[in-house]
Amino acid sequence: MDVPTGTAQSAAAAQPGRRRGVIAIARRGGRFLAIRRGPGVAAGGTICFPGGHIEPGEEEAEAVVRECREEVAAEVAAVACVWRSVSPWGTELAWWTATLVDASRLTPHPVEVSEILWLSAEEMIEHPELLSGNRPFLEAVIAGRLQL
């Protein structure tokens, strides 16, 4: 599968010993499911997509489902990896589209998430509190270089 990369460091993807994570890209209409990170976590207060680390023995798609359930109580089906990048902290990230199966009771995790938002790509990229690692992905979406 040919997956676009978001940074020059992406060529180093899947190196043994590196931390790995997933980002969930779920949409409703023209808006993305986004979160404001809780104040007690890394990059607290920033706006970003749901996501997190991949646990040992876990597949990327499984991590997408688990992270959405943990962070916002959403049931999703992981669809496809559409982007890869490396975070400023050296974590290899796999960006997955996800279909919302049940979003009727979205609830923010009491520590990890302070707010659940539905934002367009333009609203996200213009937000002053956007997590910087989300910018290249959103730029690719807005420019039409990435079809979701």
Protein backbone atom coordinates (compact mmCIF):
# COMPACT_ATOMS: atom_id res chain seq x y z
CA MET A 1 0.00 0.00 0.00
CA ASP A 2 1.41 3.39 -0.99
CA VAL A 3 0.64 5.74 1.88
CA PRO A 4 1.64 9.42 1.66
CA THR A 5 4.11 10.60 4.24
CA GLY A 6 3.85 13.85 6.10
CA THR A 7 7.47 14.51 6.96
CA ALA A 8 10.94 13.68 5.75
CA GLN A 9 11.41 11.55 8.84
CA SER A 10 8.54 9.32 7.69
CA ALA A 11 10.97 7.25 5.64
CA ALA A 12 12.17 5.88 8.97
CA ALA A 13 8.75 4.40 9.71
CA ALA A 14 8.51 1.05 11.46
CA GLN A 15 12.02 1.09 12.89
CA PRO A 16 12.42 -1.41 15.72
CA GLY A 17 12.30 0.15 19.17
CA ARG A 18 10.54 3.31 18.09
CA ARG A 19 7.31 4.37 19.75
CA ARG A 20 4.29 3.92 17.51
CA GLY A 21 0.89 5.56 17.57
CA VAL A 22 -2.31 6.00 15.59
CA ILE A 23 -4.49 8.96 14.72
CA ALA A 24 -8.22 8.47 14.04
CA ILE A 25 -9.78 10.52 11.26
CA ALA A 26 -13.56 10.30 11.66
CA ARG A 27 -16.00 12.64 9.93
CA ARG A 28 -19.63 13.59 10.17
CA GLY A 29 -20.67 15.60 7.17
CA GLY A 30 -17.84 17.99 6.38
CA ARG A 31 -16.53 18.07 9.94
CA PHE A 32 -13.85 16.06 11.68
CA LEU A 33 -14.10 14.60 15.15
CA ALA A 34 -11.51 16.54 17.16
CA ILE A 35 -10.57 16.82 20.79
CA ARG A 36 -9.02 19.33 23.14
CA ARG A 37 -6.40 17.49 25.17
CA GLY A 38 -6.85 17.51 28.92
CA PRO A 39 -4.65 19.83 30.98
CA GLY A 40 -2.83 16.95 32.68
CA VAL A 41 -1.51 15.23 29.53
CA ALA A 42 1.30 16.05 27.10
CA ALA A 43 0.42 19.09 24.96
CA GLY A 44 -2.55 19.77 27.25
CA GLY A 45 -5.11 22.23 25.91
CA THR A 46 -4.25 21.68 22.26
CA ILE A 47 -6.75 20.73 19.55
CA CYS A 48 -6.07 17.51 17.64
CA PHE A 49 -7.56 14.30 16.30
CA PRO A 50 -8.19 11.42 18.72
CA GLY A 51 -5.38 8.90 18.92
CA GLY A 52 -2.63 7.43 21.00
CA HIS A 53 -0.01 4.73 21.37
CA ILE A 54 -0.15 1.23 19.95
CA GLU A 55 0.02 -1.38 22.69
CA PRO A 56 2.40 -4.37 22.37
CA GLY A 57 0.90 -7.02 20.08
CA GLU A 58 -1.84 -4.66 18.89
CA GLU A 59 -2.49 -3.94 15.21
CA GLU A 60 -2.87 -0.34 14.04
CA ALA A 61 -6.57 -0.80 13.25
CA GLU A 62 -7.20 -2.26 16.71
CA ALA A 63 -5.47 0.72 18.31
CA VAL A 64 -7.69 3.13 16.34
CA VAL A 65 -10.83 1.43 17.67
CA ARG A 66 -9.50 1.27 21.24
CA GLU A 67 -8.30 4.89 21.33
CA CYS A 68 -11.66 6.22 20.06
CA ARG A 69 -13.46 4.16 22.66
CA GLU A 70 -11.13 5.31 25.46
CA GLU A 71 -10.87 8.99 24.57
CA VAL A 72 -14.40 9.86 23.46
CA ALA A 73 -16.55 6.72 23.98
CA ALA A 74 -17.09 6.41 20.22
CA GLU A 75 -17.49 3.07 18.49
CA VAL A 76 -15.64 3.20 15.17
CA ALA A 77 -14.54 0.87 12.42
CA ALA A 78 -10.99 1.50 11.23
CA VAL A 79 -11.02 1.81 7.43
CA ALA A 80 -7.57 2.55 5.98
CA CYS A 81 -4.22 4.09 6.74
CA VAL A 82 -4.01 7.24 4.60
CA TRP A 83 -0.95 9.06 5.96
CA ARG A 84 2.21 8.41 7.95
CA SER A 85 4.37 10.84 9.89
CA VAL A 86 6.79 11.11 12.78
CA SER A 87 5.83 13.35 15.70
CA PRO A 88 8.20 15.99 17.10
CA TRP A 89 8.80 13.47 19.94
CA GLY A 90 9.90 10.73 17.52
CA THR A 91 6.71 8.67 17.62
CA GLU A 92 5.82 7.01 14.31
CA LEU A 93 2.20 7.86 13.55
CA ALA A 94 -0.26 6.02 11.30
CA TRP A 95 -3.25 8.20 10.33
CA TRP A 96 -6.36 6.05 9.80
CA THR A 97 -9.76 6.94 8.45
CA ALA A 98 -12.51 5.58 10.66
CA THR A 99 -16.26 5.20 10.21
CA LEU A 100 -18.41 6.18 13.16
CA VAL A 101 -20.52 3.17 14.10
CA ASP A 102 -22.01 4.72 17.23
CA ALA A 103 -21.36 8.31 18.27
CA SER A 104 -24.63 8.75 20.14
CA ARG A 105 -22.99 9.02 23.55
CA LEU A 106 -19.73 10.81 22.92
CA THR A 107 -18.13 11.43 26.30
CA PRO A 108 -14.68 12.91 26.88
CA HIS A 109 -12.23 10.83 28.92
CA PRO A 110 -12.07 12.62 32.31
CA VAL A 111 -8.27 13.06 32.22
CA GLU A 112 -7.16 12.83 28.59
CA VAL A 113 -9.85 14.96 26.90
CA SER A 114 -11.37 18.22 28.09
CA GLU A 115 -13.64 18.85 25.08
CA ILE A 116 -15.05 17.08 22.02
CA LEU A 117 -15.38 19.20 18.88
CA TRP A 118 -16.66 18.84 15.32
CA LEU A 119 -14.51 21.06 13.08
CA SER A 120 -13.88 21.49 9.37
CA ALA A 121 -10.31 21.14 8.11
CA GLU A 122 -10.20 24.92 7.69
CA GLU A 123 -11.44 25.53 11.23
CA MET A 124 -8.87 23.13 12.63
CA ILE A 125 -5.91 24.55 10.74
CA GLU A 126 -6.86 28.11 11.70
CA HIS A 127 -7.33 27.25 15.36
CA PRO A 128 -4.63 28.96 17.46
CA GLU A 129 -4.37 25.92 19.74
CA LEU A 130 -3.94 23.31 16.99
CA LEU A 131 -1.35 20.65 17.85
CA SER A 132 1.44 21.45 15.38
CA GLY A 133 1.84 17.85 14.19
CA ASN A 134 -1.70 17.97 12.74
CA ARG A 135 -0.89 20.88 10.40
CA PRO A 136 0.84 18.96 7.53
CA PHE A 137 -2.03 16.46 7.36
CA LEU A 138 -4.67 19.22 7.29
CA GLU A 139 -2.69 21.17 4.68
CA ALA A 140 -2.65 18.08 2.44
CA VAL A 141 -6.41 17.61 2.88
CA ILE A 142 -7.20 21.27 2.15
CA ALA A 143 -4.88 21.36 -0.89
CA GLY A 144 -6.52 18.22 -2.29
CA ARG A 145 -3.29 16.19 -2.12
CA LEU A 146 -5.02 13.68 0.14
CA GLN A 147 -8.45 12.23 -0.60
CA LEU A 148 -10.35 10.86 2.37
